[in-house]
Each structure stands twice: as structure tokens, then as C-alpha cells.
Amino acid sequence: MALWLKYVLIAVVGYLLGNISVGILVAKLYGIKDIRKVGSGNAGSTNVLRNLGWLPSVLTLVGDCLKSFIAAQLGRCLAGDVGLLIGGTAAILGHDFPVFFKWAARASRPPWA
């Protein structure tokens, strides 16, 4: 497989892994339909901590870190150090600008704010 194609594959997979909102998934497990509608309106571990407690918050933090780690390690396995950087960066971009949540992790703000 061509190297540029590996880079594209790593970027796409990393971005899609970053789109997984662990805070929303954990909140659903704990009975909150949408964590972005309570507290600060963010799906991050701090809002989860304030509304659900420390264990769901730790699960959210570990899950968010794990998705970037997996993307980076996948990139490293496929294309070395450059692939690691591409995978990790793509996961961060997917986390910050998720396509499945209208490009913004926070429900009430537009993507340019």
C-alpha cells in the first residue's frame, strides 16, 4: 500500500475514533439522556463529575485518553512515527470537531464560536 494512502487511512480512522463521545455514552449508562443538556452543556469529564460523580468522570477521562492512544498506536503500527502523529492529531480533531454532533461537542454553540 502506498505511504500516502496509509496516512489518509490513519487520519480517517483517527478522526472517527475521536468522534466517539465517551461522556455522552457514560452519561447514558448512568441514566442521563444527554449530558450536554445539563450543567455546563459540555460532554467532558468535568461536567460529568459535577453531575454524576467521580467514577463516571474517571471513566470519561480514561475513555477520551484511550481513543487518542489507540489512534496514535494504530498510526505507529502502519506508518511509524509520522503515522503516530497523524493518528493522534486526527483523534484530537475528531474529539474537538465531531462530525456526528454538527461539528461541535457542545450543543449550544456554533462551530465558529
PDB file of N, CA and C in Angstrom:
ATOM      1  N   MET A   1       0.843  -1.173   0.000  1.00  0.00           N
ATOM      2  CA  MET A   1       0.000   0.000   0.000  1.00  0.00           C
ATOM      3  C   MET A   1       0.890   1.238   0.000  1.00  0.00           C
ATOM      4  N   ALA A   2       0.521   2.223  -0.784  1.00  0.00           N
ATOM      5  CA  ALA A   2       1.291   3.451  -0.875  1.00  0.00           C
ATOM      6  C   ALA A   2       1.281   4.182   0.469  1.00  0.00           C
ATOM      7  N   LEU A   3       2.380   4.852   0.771  1.00  0.00           N
ATOM      8  CA  LEU A   3       2.518   5.528   2.050  1.00  0.00           C
ATOM      9  C   LEU A   3       1.471   6.619   2.244  1.00  0.00           C
ATOM     10  N   TRP A   4       1.186   7.374   1.187  1.00  0.00           N
ATOM     11  CA  TRP A   4       0.192   8.452   1.313  1.00  0.00           C
ATOM     12  C   TRP A   4      -1.195   7.881   1.613  1.00  0.00           C
ATOM     13  N   LEU A   5      -1.477   6.700   1.081  1.00  0.00           N
ATOM     14  CA  LEU A   5      -2.758   6.057   1.334  1.00  0.00           C
ATOM     15  C   LEU A   5      -2.855   5.595   2.797  1.00  0.00           C
ATOM     16  N   LYS A   6      -1.729   5.131   3.347  1.00  0.00           N
ATOM     17  CA  LYS A   6      -1.697   4.782   4.763  1.00  0.00           C
ATOM     18  C   LYS A   6      -1.969   6.010   5.620  1.00  0.00           C
ATOM     19  N   TYR A   7      -1.373   7.138   5.247  1.00  0.00           N
ATOM     20  CA  TYR A   7      -1.589   8.379   6.000  1.00  0.00           C
ATOM     21  C   TYR A   7      -3.060   8.793   5.977  1.00  0.00           C
ATOM     22  N   VAL A   8      -3.681   8.685   4.827  1.00  0.00           N
ATOM     23  CA  VAL A   8      -5.099   9.036   4.705  1.00  0.00           C
ATOM     24  C   VAL A   8      -5.948   8.089   5.549  1.00  0.00           C
ATOM     25  N   LEU A   9      -5.661   6.803   5.482  1.00  0.00           N
ATOM     26  CA  LEU A   9      -6.394   5.815   6.268  1.00  0.00           C
ATOM     27  C   LEU A   9      -6.249   6.080   7.765  1.00  0.00           C
ATOM     28  N   ILE A  10      -5.036   6.369   8.194  1.00  0.00           N
ATOM     29  CA  ILE A  10      -4.785   6.667   9.611  1.00  0.00           C
ATOM     30  C   ILE A  10      -5.557   7.914  10.036  1.00  0.00           C
ATOM     31  N   ALA A  11      -5.544   8.943   9.198  1.00  0.00           N
ATOM     32  CA  ALA A  11      -6.243  10.185   9.528  1.00  0.00           C
ATOM     33  C   ALA A  11      -7.754   9.960   9.635  1.00  0.00           C
ATOM     34  N   VAL A  12      -8.310   9.217   8.723  1.00  0.00           N
ATOM     35  CA  VAL A  12      -9.755   8.969   8.735  1.00  0.00           C
ATOM     36  C   VAL A  12     -10.147   8.134   9.953  1.00  0.00           C
ATOM     37  N   VAL A  13      -9.418   7.062  10.212  1.00  0.00           N
ATOM     38  CA  VAL A  13      -9.736   6.205  11.358  1.00  0.00           C
ATOM     39  C   VAL A  13      -9.528   6.965  12.661  1.00  0.00           C
ATOM     40  N   GLY A  14      -8.452   7.732  12.752  1.00  0.00           N
ATOM     41  CA  GLY A  14      -8.203   8.531  13.948  1.00  0.00           C
ATOM     42  C   GLY A  14      -9.290   9.555  14.183  1.00  0.00           C
ATOM     43  N   TYR A  15      -9.726  10.218  13.117  1.00  0.00           N
ATOM     44  CA  TYR A  15     -10.795  11.207  13.231  1.00  0.00           C
ATOM     45  C   TYR A  15     -12.092  10.551  13.697  1.00  0.00           C
ATOM     46  N   LEU A  16     -12.420   9.407  13.122  1.00  0.00           N
ATOM     47  CA  LEU A  16     -13.654   8.713  13.504  1.00  0.00           C
ATOM     48  C   LEU A  16     -13.590   8.193  14.946  1.00  0.00           C
ATOM     49  N   LEU A  17     -12.418   7.750  15.383  1.00  0.00           N
ATOM     50  CA  LEU A  17     -12.267   7.353  16.783  1.00  0.00           C
ATOM     51  C   LEU A  17     -12.454   8.560  17.697  1.00  0.00           C
ATOM     52  N   GLY A  18     -11.937   9.706  17.291  1.00  0.00           N
ATOM     53  CA  GLY A  18     -12.092  10.912  18.080  1.00  0.00           C
ATOM     54  C   GLY A  18     -13.525  11.374  18.184  1.00  0.00           C
ATOM     55  N   ASN A  19     -14.355  11.007  17.226  1.00  0.00           N
ATOM     56  CA  ASN A  19     -15.772  11.387  17.230  1.00  0.00           C
ATOM     57  C   ASN A  19     -16.570  10.690  18.317  1.00  0.00           C
ATOM     58  N   ILE A  20     -16.060   9.605  18.856  1.00  0.00           N
ATOM     59  CA  ILE A  20     -16.774   8.886  19.905  1.00  0.00           C
ATOM     60  C   ILE A  20     -16.799   9.764  21.152  1.00  0.00           C
ATOM     61  N   SER A  21     -17.981  10.149  21.583  1.00  0.00           N
ATOM     62  CA  SER A  21     -18.125  10.988  22.771  1.00  0.00           C
ATOM     63  C   SER A  21     -18.345  10.092  23.993  1.00  0.00           C
ATOM     64  N   VAL A  22     -17.267   9.846  24.696  1.00  0.00           N
ATOM     65  CA  VAL A  22     -17.320   8.948  25.841  1.00  0.00           C
ATOM     66  C   VAL A  22     -18.200   9.530  26.942  1.00  0.00           C
ATOM     67  N   GLY A  23     -18.176  10.838  27.109  1.00  0.00           N
ATOM     68  CA  GLY A  23     -19.019  11.469  28.130  1.00  0.00           C
ATOM     69  C   GLY A  23     -20.499  11.217  27.892  1.00  0.00           C
ATOM     70  N   ILE A  24     -20.919  11.291  26.650  1.00  0.00           N
ATOM     71  CA  ILE A  24     -22.324  11.032  26.331  1.00  0.00           C
ATOM     72  C   ILE A  24     -22.666   9.560  26.577  1.00  0.00           C
ATOM     73  N   LEU A  25     -21.768   8.668  26.187  1.00  0.00           N
ATOM     74  CA  LEU A  25     -22.016   7.237  26.397  1.00  0.00           C
ATOM     75  C   LEU A  25     -22.080   6.883  27.883  1.00  0.00           C
ATOM     76  N   VAL A  26     -21.153   7.415  28.668  1.00  0.00           N
ATOM     77  CA  VAL A  26     -21.145   7.143  30.108  1.00  0.00           C
ATOM     78  C   VAL A  26     -22.394   7.718  30.763  1.00  0.00           C
ATOM     79  N   ALA A  27     -22.772   8.931  30.376  1.00  0.00           N
ATOM     80  CA  ALA A  27     -23.971   9.554  30.946  1.00  0.00           C
ATOM     81  C   ALA A  27     -25.224   8.730  30.631  1.00  0.00           C
ATOM     82  N   LYS A  28     -25.284   8.171  29.429  1.00  0.00           N
ATOM     83  CA  LYS A  28     -26.432   7.320  29.088  1.00  0.00           C
ATOM     84  C   LYS A  28     -26.455   6.066  29.950  1.00  0.00           C
ATOM     85  N   LEU A  29     -25.286   5.519  30.242  1.00  0.00           N
ATOM     86  CA  LEU A  29     -25.224   4.357  31.127  1.00  0.00           C
ATOM     87  C   LEU A  29     -25.710   4.690  32.539  1.00  0.00           C
ATOM     88  N   TYR A  30     -25.529   5.948  32.942  1.00  0.00           N
ATOM     89  CA  TYR A  30     -25.938   6.379  34.272  1.00  0.00           C
ATOM     90  C   TYR A  30     -27.300   7.054  34.289  1.00  0.00           C
ATOM     91  N   GLY A  31     -28.033   6.988  33.185  1.00  0.00           N
ATOM     92  CA  GLY A  31     -29.411   7.433  33.177  1.00  0.00           C
ATOM     93  C   GLY A  31     -29.685   8.854  32.713  1.00  0.00           C
ATOM     94  N   ILE A  32     -28.659   9.573  32.263  1.00  0.00           N
ATOM     95  CA  ILE A  32     -28.884  10.919  31.736  1.00  0.00           C
ATOM     96  C   ILE A  32     -28.932  10.812  30.217  1.00  0.00           C
ATOM     97  N   LYS A  33     -30.028  11.271  29.643  1.00  0.00           N
ATOM     98  CA  LYS A  33     -30.233  11.118  28.211  1.00  0.00           C
ATOM     99  C   LYS A  33     -29.163  11.859  27.396  1.00  0.00           C
ATOM    100  N   ASP A  34     -28.892  13.117  27.762  1.00  0.00           N
ATOM    101  CA  ASP A  34     -27.884  13.906  27.054  1.00  0.00           C
ATOM    102  C   ASP A  34     -27.168  14.802  28.050  1.00  0.00           C
ATOM    103  N   ILE A  35     -25.927  14.488  28.358  1.00  0.00           N
ATOM    104  CA  ILE A  35     -25.137  15.239  29.342  1.00  0.00           C
ATOM    105  C   ILE A  35     -24.929  16.687  28.904  1.00  0.00           C
ATOM    106  N   ARG A  36     -25.044  16.942  27.613  1.00  0.00           N
ATOM    107  CA  ARG A  36     -24.847  18.302  27.105  1.00  0.00           C
ATOM    108  C   ARG A  36     -26.025  19.217  27.428  1.00  0.00           C
ATOM    109  N   LYS A  37     -27.111  18.649  27.931  1.00  0.00           N
ATOM    110  CA  LYS A  37     -28.288  19.454  28.291  1.00  0.00           C
ATOM    111  C   LYS A  37     -28.324  19.807  29.778  1.00  0.00           C
ATOM    112  N   VAL A  38     -27.359  19.321  30.554  1.00  0.00           N
ATOM    113  CA  VAL A  38     -27.297  19.623  31.979  1.00  0.00           C
ATOM    114  C   VAL A  38     -25.953  20.270  32.304  1.00  0.00           C
ATOM    115  N   GLY A  39     -25.924  20.983  33.405  1.00  0.00           N
ATOM    116  CA  GLY A  39     -24.678  21.602  33.853  1.00  0.00           C
ATOM    117  C   GLY A  39     -24.150  22.622  32.869  1.00  0.00           C
ATOM    118  N   SER A  40     -22.871  22.498  32.540  1.00  0.00           N
ATOM    119  CA  SER A  40     -22.210  23.470  31.672  1.00  0.00           C
ATOM    120  C   SER A  40     -22.545  23.279  30.200  1.00  0.00           C
ATOM    121  N   GLY A  41     -23.170  22.172  29.849  1.00  0.00           N
ATOM    122  CA  GLY A  41     -23.502  21.897  28.454  1.00  0.00           C
ATOM    123  C   GLY A  41     -22.378  21.225  27.694  1.00  0.00           C
ATOM    124  N   ASN A  42     -21.345  20.816  28.388  1.00  0.00           N
ATOM    125  CA  ASN A  42     -20.200  20.164  27.774  1.00  0.00           C
ATOM    126  C   ASN A  42     -20.280  18.663  28.034  1.00  0.00           C
ATOM    127  N   ALA A  43     -19.719  17.880  27.137  1.00  0.00           N
ATOM    128  CA  ALA A  43     -19.735  16.422  27.300  1.00  0.00           C
ATOM    129  C   ALA A  43     -18.456  15.913  27.949  1.00  0.00           C
ATOM    130  N   GLY A  44     -17.650  16.796  28.502  1.00  0.00           N
ATOM    131  CA  GLY A  44     -16.367  16.414  29.076  1.00  0.00           C
ATOM    132  C   GLY A  44     -16.459  15.868  30.489  1.00  0.00           C
ATOM    133  N   SER A  45     -15.312  15.443  30.993  1.00  0.00           N
ATOM    134  CA  SER A  45     -15.273  14.774  32.288  1.00  0.00           C
ATOM    135  C   SER A  45     -15.602  15.716  33.452  1.00  0.00           C
ATOM    136  N   THR A  46     -15.327  17.014  33.324  1.00  0.00           N
ATOM    137  CA  THR A  46     -15.664  17.929  34.412  1.00  0.00           C
ATOM    138  C   THR A  46     -17.168  18.048  34.587  1.00  0.00           C
ATOM    139  N   ASN A  47     -17.895  18.181  33.496  1.00  0.00           N
ATOM    140  CA  ASN A  47     -19.359  18.240  33.596  1.00  0.00           C
ATOM    141  C   ASN A  47     -19.926  16.905  34.078  1.00  0.00           C
ATOM    142  N   VAL A  48     -19.329  15.815  33.637  1.00  0.00           N
ATOM    143  CA  VAL A  48     -19.762  14.504  34.118  1.00  0.00           C
ATOM    144  C   VAL A  48     -19.494  14.392  35.618  1.00  0.00           C
ATOM    145  N   LEU A  49     -18.350  14.896  36.080  1.00  0.00           N
ATOM    146  CA  LEU A  49     -18.026  14.874  37.507  1.00  0.00           C
ATOM    147  C   LEU A  49     -19.056  15.656  38.302  1.00  0.00           C
ATOM    148  N   ARG A  50     -19.393  16.832  37.846  1.00  0.00           N
ATOM    149  CA  ARG A  50     -20.333  17.680  38.582  1.00  0.00           C
ATOM    150  C   ARG A  50     -21.737  17.087  38.638  1.00  0.00           C
ATOM    151  N   ASN A  51     -22.129  16.360  37.619  1.00  0.00           N
ATOM    152  CA  ASN A  51     -23.498  15.866  37.557  1.00  0.00           C
ATOM    153  C   ASN A  51     -23.663  14.395  37.927  1.00  0.00           C
ATOM    154  N   LEU A  52     -22.607  13.598  37.782  1.00  0.00           N
ATOM    155  CA  LEU A  52     -22.747  12.160  38.021  1.00  0.00           C
ATOM    156  C   LEU A  52     -21.793  11.605  39.072  1.00  0.00           C
ATOM    157  N   GLY A  53     -20.721  12.309  39.381  1.00  0.00           N
ATOM    158  CA  GLY A  53     -19.784  11.814  40.388  1.00  0.00           C
ATOM    159  C   GLY A  53     -18.426  11.460  39.809  1.00  0.00           C
ATOM    160  N   TRP A  54     -17.554  10.979  40.688  1.00  0.00           N
ATOM    161  CA  TRP A  54     -16.163  10.780  40.289  1.00  0.00           C
ATOM    162  C   TRP A  54     -15.951   9.558  39.403  1.00  0.00           C
ATOM    163  N   LEU A  55     -16.646   8.459  39.647  1.00  0.00           N
ATOM    164  CA  LEU A  55     -16.424   7.251  38.844  1.00  0.00           C
ATOM    165  C   LEU A  55     -16.807   7.461  37.375  1.00  0.00           C
ATOM    166  N   PRO A  56     -17.983   7.992  37.063  1.00  0.00           N
ATOM    167  CA  PRO A  56     -18.286   8.259  35.654  1.00  0.00           C
ATOM    168  C   PRO A  56     -17.315   9.268  35.029  1.00  0.00           C
ATOM    169  N   SER A  57     -16.853  10.220  35.847  1.00  0.00           N
ATOM    170  CA  SER A  57     -15.900  11.198  35.339  1.00  0.00           C
ATOM    171  C   SER A  57     -14.566  10.548  34.976  1.00  0.00           C
ATOM    172  N   VAL A  58     -14.108   9.648  35.830  1.00  0.00           N
ATOM    173  CA  VAL A  58     -12.853   8.928  35.552  1.00  0.00           C
ATOM    174  C   VAL A  58     -13.015   8.048  34.316  1.00  0.00           C
ATOM    175  N   LEU A  59     -14.158   7.390  34.198  1.00  0.00           N
ATOM    176  CA  LEU A  59     -14.417   6.571  33.002  1.00  0.00           C
ATOM    177  C   LEU A  59     -14.403   7.425  31.740  1.00  0.00           C
ATOM    178  N   THR A  60     -14.973   8.623  31.831  1.00  0.00           N
ATOM    179  CA  THR A  60     -14.979   9.536  30.685  1.00  0.00           C
ATOM    180  C   THR A  60     -13.567   9.964  30.331  1.00  0.00           C
ATOM    181  N   LEU A  61     -12.798  10.347  31.324  1.00  0.00           N
ATOM    182  CA  LEU A  61     -11.426  10.795  31.079  1.00  0.00           C
ATOM    183  C   LEU A  61     -10.565   9.676  30.487  1.00  0.00           C
ATOM    184  N   VAL A  62     -10.668   8.492  31.063  1.00  0.00           N
ATOM    185  CA  VAL A  62      -9.882   7.359  30.563  1.00  0.00           C
ATOM    186  C   VAL A  62     -10.312   6.998  29.139  1.00  0.00           C
ATOM    187  N   GLY A  63     -11.611   7.005  28.885  1.00  0.00           N
ATOM    188  CA  GLY A  63     -12.094   6.698  27.541  1.00  0.00           C
ATOM    189  C   GLY A  63     -11.639   7.712  26.511  1.00  0.00           C
ATOM    190  N   ASP A  64     -11.660   8.999  26.876  1.00  0.00           N
ATOM    191  CA  ASP A  64     -11.194  10.029  25.949  1.00  0.00           C
ATOM    192  C   ASP A  64      -9.703   9.906  25.674  1.00  0.00           C
ATOM    193  N   CYS A  65      -8.930   9.587  26.702  1.00  0.00           N
ATOM    194  CA  CYS A  65      -7.485   9.388  26.505  1.00  0.00           C
ATOM    195  C   CYS A  65      -7.210   8.128  25.690  1.00  0.00           C
ATOM    196  N   LEU A  66      -7.976   7.088  25.958  1.00  0.00           N
ATOM    197  CA  LEU A  66      -7.770   5.811  25.286  1.00  0.00           C
ATOM    198  C   LEU A  66      -8.029   5.886  23.789  1.00  0.00           C
ATOM    199  N   LYS A  67      -9.041   6.643  23.376  1.00  0.00           N
ATOM    200  CA  LYS A  67      -9.316   6.723  21.942  1.00  0.00           C
ATOM    201  C   LYS A  67      -8.171   7.413  21.192  1.00  0.00           C
ATOM    202  N   SER A  68      -7.545   8.413  21.798  1.00  0.00           N
ATOM    203  CA  SER A  68      -6.386   9.047  21.157  1.00  0.00           C
ATOM    204  C   SER A  68      -5.187   8.114  21.153  1.00  0.00           C
ATOM    205  N   PHE A  69      -5.006   7.392  22.249  1.00  0.00           N
ATOM    206  CA  PHE A  69      -3.903   6.441  22.332  1.00  0.00           C
ATOM    207  C   PHE A  69      -4.035   5.354  21.274  1.00  0.00           C
ATOM    208  N   ILE A  70      -5.244   4.825  21.108  1.00  0.00           N
ATOM    209  CA  ILE A  70      -5.473   3.778  20.105  1.00  0.00           C
ATOM    210  C   ILE A  70      -5.209   4.301  18.708  1.00  0.00           C
ATOM    211  N   ALA A  71      -5.678   5.497  18.417  1.00  0.00           N
ATOM    212  CA  ALA A  71      -5.451   6.077  17.087  1.00  0.00           C
ATOM    213  C   ALA A  71      -3.963   6.299  16.837  1.00  0.00           C
ATOM    214  N   ALA A  72      -3.259   6.786  17.843  1.00  0.00           N
ATOM    215  CA  ALA A  72      -1.822   7.024  17.689  1.00  0.00           C
ATOM    216  C   ALA A  72      -1.061   5.712  17.507  1.00  0.00           C
ATOM    217  N   GLN A  73      -1.410   4.695  18.276  1.00  0.00           N
ATOM    218  CA  GLN A  73      -0.709   3.415  18.156  1.00  0.00           C
ATOM    219  C   GLN A  73      -1.012   2.712  16.829  1.00  0.00           C
ATOM    220  N   LEU A  74      -2.237   2.849  16.363  1.00  0.00           N
ATOM    221  CA  LEU A  74      -2.576   2.319  15.045  1.00  0.00           C
ATOM    222  C   LEU A  74      -1.735   2.993  13.972  1.00  0.00           C
ATOM    223  N   GLY A  75      -1.623   4.311  14.083  1.00  0.00           N
ATOM    224  CA  GLY A  75      -0.798   5.052  13.138  1.00  0.00           C
ATOM    225  C   GLY A  75       0.662   4.629  13.194  1.00  0.00           C
ATOM    226  N   ARG A  76       1.172   4.400  14.390  1.00  0.00           N
ATOM    227  CA  ARG A  76       2.562   3.966  14.532  1.00  0.00           C
ATOM    228  C   ARG A  76       2.785   2.591  13.931  1.00  0.00           C
ATOM    229  N   CYS A  77       1.815   1.693  14.111  1.00  0.00           N
ATOM    230  CA  CYS A  77       1.951   0.342  13.544  1.00  0.00           C
ATOM    231  C   CYS A  77       1.940   0.360  12.019  1.00  0.00           C
ATOM    232  N   LEU A  78       1.140   1.260  11.445  1.00  0.00           N
ATOM    233  CA  LEU A  78       1.015   1.301   9.987  1.00  0.00           C
ATOM    234  C   LEU A  78       2.085   2.142   9.299  1.00  0.00           C
ATOM    235  N   ALA A  79       2.538   3.230   9.958  1.00  0.00           N
ATOM    236  CA  ALA A  79       3.437   4.149   9.248  1.00  0.00           C
ATOM    237  C   ALA A  79       4.501   4.781  10.131  1.00  0.00           C
ATOM    238  N   GLY A  80       4.833   4.180  11.233  1.00  0.00           N
ATOM    239  CA  GLY A  80       5.918   4.694  12.062  1.00  0.00           C
ATOM    240  C   GLY A  80       5.546   5.961  12.827  1.00  0.00           C
ATOM    241  N   ASP A  81       6.575   6.766  13.116  1.00  0.00           N
ATOM    242  CA  ASP A  81       6.376   7.956  13.942  1.00  0.00           C
ATOM    243  C   ASP A  81       5.471   8.990  13.290  1.00  0.00           C
ATOM    244  N   VAL A  82       5.562   9.146  11.989  1.00  0.00           N
ATOM    245  CA  VAL A  82       4.687  10.098  11.299  1.00  0.00           C
ATOM    246  C   VAL A  82       3.241   9.633  11.404  1.00  0.00           C
ATOM    247  N   GLY A  83       3.011   8.360  11.264  1.00  0.00           N
ATOM    248  CA  GLY A  83       1.668   7.810  11.421  1.00  0.00           C
ATOM    249  C   GLY A  83       1.132   8.007  12.827  1.00  0.00           C
ATOM    250  N   LEU A  84       2.016   7.891  13.831  1.00  0.00           N
ATOM    251  CA  LEU A  84       1.622   8.141  15.208  1.00  0.00           C
ATOM    252  C   LEU A  84       1.119   9.572  15.365  1.00  0.00           C
ATOM    253  N   LEU A  85       1.859  10.517  14.813  1.00  0.00           N
ATOM    254  CA  LEU A  85       1.457  11.927  14.895  1.00  0.00           C
ATOM    255  C   LEU A  85       0.150  12.189  14.156  1.00  0.00           C
ATOM    256  N   ILE A  86       0.001  11.599  13.002  1.00  0.00           N
ATOM    257  CA  ILE A  86      -1.228  11.793  12.216  1.00  0.00           C
ATOM    258  C   ILE A  86      -2.427  11.200  12.949  1.00  0.00           C
ATOM    259  N   GLY A  87      -2.279   9.985  13.464  1.00  0.00           N
ATOM    260  CA  GLY A  87      -3.381   9.332  14.168  1.00  0.00           C
ATOM    261  C   GLY A  87      -3.797  10.083  15.421  1.00  0.00           C
ATOM    262  N   GLY A  88      -2.835  10.497  16.219  1.00  0.00           N
ATOM    263  CA  GLY A  88      -3.148  11.239  17.437  1.00  0.00           C
ATOM    264  C   GLY A  88      -3.770  12.589  17.148  1.00  0.00           C
ATOM    265  N   THR A  89      -3.230  13.301  16.176  1.00  0.00           N
ATOM    266  CA  THR A  89      -3.767  14.613  15.814  1.00  0.00           C
ATOM    267  C   THR A  89      -5.173  14.494  15.243  1.00  0.00           C
ATOM    268  N   ALA A  90      -5.393  13.499  14.416  1.00  0.00           N
ATOM    269  CA  ALA A  90      -6.725  13.299  13.844  1.00  0.00           C
ATOM    270  C   ALA A  90      -7.744  12.958  14.927  1.00  0.00           C
ATOM    271  N   ALA A  91      -7.338  12.176  15.920  1.00  0.00           N
ATOM    272  CA  ALA A  91      -8.255  11.849  17.023  1.00  0.00           C
ATOM    273  C   ALA A  91      -8.604  13.088  17.826  1.00  0.00           C
ATOM    274  N   ILE A  92      -7.642  13.957  18.049  1.00  0.00           N
ATOM    275  CA  ILE A  92      -7.913  15.201  18.773  1.00  0.00           C
ATOM    276  C   ILE A  92      -8.858  16.081  17.969  1.00  0.00           C
ATOM    277  N   LEU A  93      -8.629  16.176  16.667  1.00  0.00           N
ATOM    278  CA  LEU A  93      -9.530  16.972  15.823  1.00  0.00           C
ATOM    279  C   LEU A  93     -10.938  16.372  15.804  1.00  0.00           C
ATOM    280  N   GLY A  94     -11.027  15.058  15.778  1.00  0.00           N
ATOM    281  CA  GLY A  94     -12.340  14.406  15.829  1.00  0.00           C
ATOM    282  C   GLY A  94     -13.038  14.624  17.155  1.00  0.00           C
ATOM    283  N   HIS A  95     -12.252  14.694  18.227  1.00  0.00           N
ATOM    284  CA  HIS A  95     -12.820  14.952  19.544  1.00  0.00           C
ATOM    285  C   HIS A  95     -13.341  16.389  19.646  1.00  0.00           C
ATOM    286  N   ASP A  96     -12.563  17.333  19.116  1.00  0.00           N
ATOM    287  CA  ASP A  96     -12.937  18.748  19.212  1.00  0.00           C
ATOM    288  C   ASP A  96     -14.006  19.154  18.205  1.00  0.00           C
ATOM    289  N   PHE A  97     -14.001  18.540  17.035  1.00  0.00           N
ATOM    290  CA  PHE A  97     -14.944  18.891  15.971  1.00  0.00           C
ATOM    291  C   PHE A  97     -15.617  17.636  15.418  1.00  0.00           C
ATOM    292  N   PRO A  98     -16.495  17.017  16.206  1.00  0.00           N
ATOM    293  CA  PRO A  98     -17.106  15.765  15.767  1.00  0.00           C
ATOM    294  C   PRO A  98     -18.173  15.979  14.693  1.00  0.00           C
ATOM    295  N   VAL A  99     -18.047  15.284  13.607  1.00  0.00           N
ATOM    296  CA  VAL A  99     -18.995  15.407  12.506  1.00  0.00           C
ATOM    297  C   VAL A  99     -20.378  14.890  12.909  1.00  0.00           C
ATOM    298  N   PHE A 100     -20.437  13.936  13.810  1.00  0.00           N
ATOM    299  CA  PHE A 100     -21.712  13.362  14.207  1.00  0.00           C
ATOM    300  C   PHE A 100     -22.512  14.266  15.130  1.00  0.00           C
ATOM    301  N   PHE A 101     -21.879  15.297  15.692  1.00  0.00           N
ATOM    302  CA  PHE A 101     -22.567  16.240  16.566  1.00  0.00           C
ATOM    303  C   PHE A 101     -22.531  17.645  15.979  1.00  0.00           C
ATOM    304  N   LYS A 102     -22.683  17.737  14.670  1.00  0.00           N
ATOM    305  CA  LYS A 102     -22.744  19.004  13.947  1.00  0.00           C
ATOM    306  C   LYS A 102     -21.500  19.866  14.169  1.00  0.00           C
ATOM    307  N   TRP A 103     -20.332  19.223  14.207  1.00  0.00           N
ATOM    308  CA  TRP A 103     -19.029  19.878  14.271  1.00  0.00           C
ATOM    309  C   TRP A 103     -18.741  20.553  15.595  1.00  0.00           C
ATOM    310  N   ALA A 104     -19.561  20.388  16.594  1.00  0.00           N
ATOM    311  CA  ALA A 104     -19.303  20.997  17.894  1.00  0.00           C
ATOM    312  C   ALA A 104     -19.689  20.038  19.006  1.00  0.00           C
ATOM    313  N   ALA A 105     -18.796  19.854  19.959  1.00  0.00           N
ATOM    314  CA  ALA A 105     -19.064  18.944  21.068  1.00  0.00           C
ATOM    315  C   ALA A 105     -20.063  19.538  22.047  1.00  0.00           C
ATOM    316  N   ARG A 106     -20.191  20.831  22.054  1.00  0.00           N
ATOM    317  CA  ARG A 106     -21.143  21.489  22.948  1.00  0.00           C
ATOM    318  C   ARG A 106     -22.404  21.801  22.168  1.00  0.00           C
ATOM    319  N   ALA A 107     -23.546  21.478  22.720  1.00  0.00           N
ATOM    320  CA  ALA A 107     -24.806  21.560  21.980  1.00  0.00           C
ATOM    321  C   ALA A 107     -25.225  22.986  21.668  1.00  0.00           C
ATOM    322  N   SER A 108     -24.888  23.955  22.505  1.00  0.00           N
ATOM    323  CA  SER A 108     -25.462  25.288  22.338  1.00  0.00           C
ATOM    324  C   SER A 108     -24.591  26.261  21.578  1.00  0.00           C
ATOM    325  N   ARG A 109     -23.398  25.892  21.164  1.00  0.00           N
ATOM    326  CA  ARG A 109     -22.551  26.855  20.474  1.00  0.00           C
ATOM    327  C   ARG A 109     -22.365  26.484  19.020  1.00  0.00           C
ATOM    328  N   PRO A 110     -22.266  27.483  18.152  1.00  0.00           N
ATOM    329  CA  PRO A 110     -21.963  27.188  16.757  1.00  0.00           C
ATOM    330  C   PRO A 110     -20.493  26.800  16.614  1.00  0.00           C
ATOM    331  N   PRO A 111     -20.119  26.116  15.548  1.00  0.00           N
ATOM    332  CA  PRO A 111     -18.742  25.627  15.422  1.00  0.00           C
ATOM    333  C   PRO A 111     -17.705  26.738  15.315  1.00  0.00           C
ATOM    334  N   TRP A 112     -18.099  27.966  14.986  1.00  0.00           N
ATOM    335  CA  TRP A 112     -17.120  29.042  14.850  1.00  0.00           C
ATOM    336  C   TRP A 112     -16.930  29.823  16.147  1.00  0.00           C
ATOM    337  N   ALA A 113     -17.684  29.488  17.175  1.00  0.00           N
ATOM    338  CA  ALA A 113     -17.577  30.248  18.440  1.00  0.00           C
ATOM    339  C   ALA A 113     -16.558  29.626  19.354  1.00  0.00           C
TER     340      ALA A 113
END
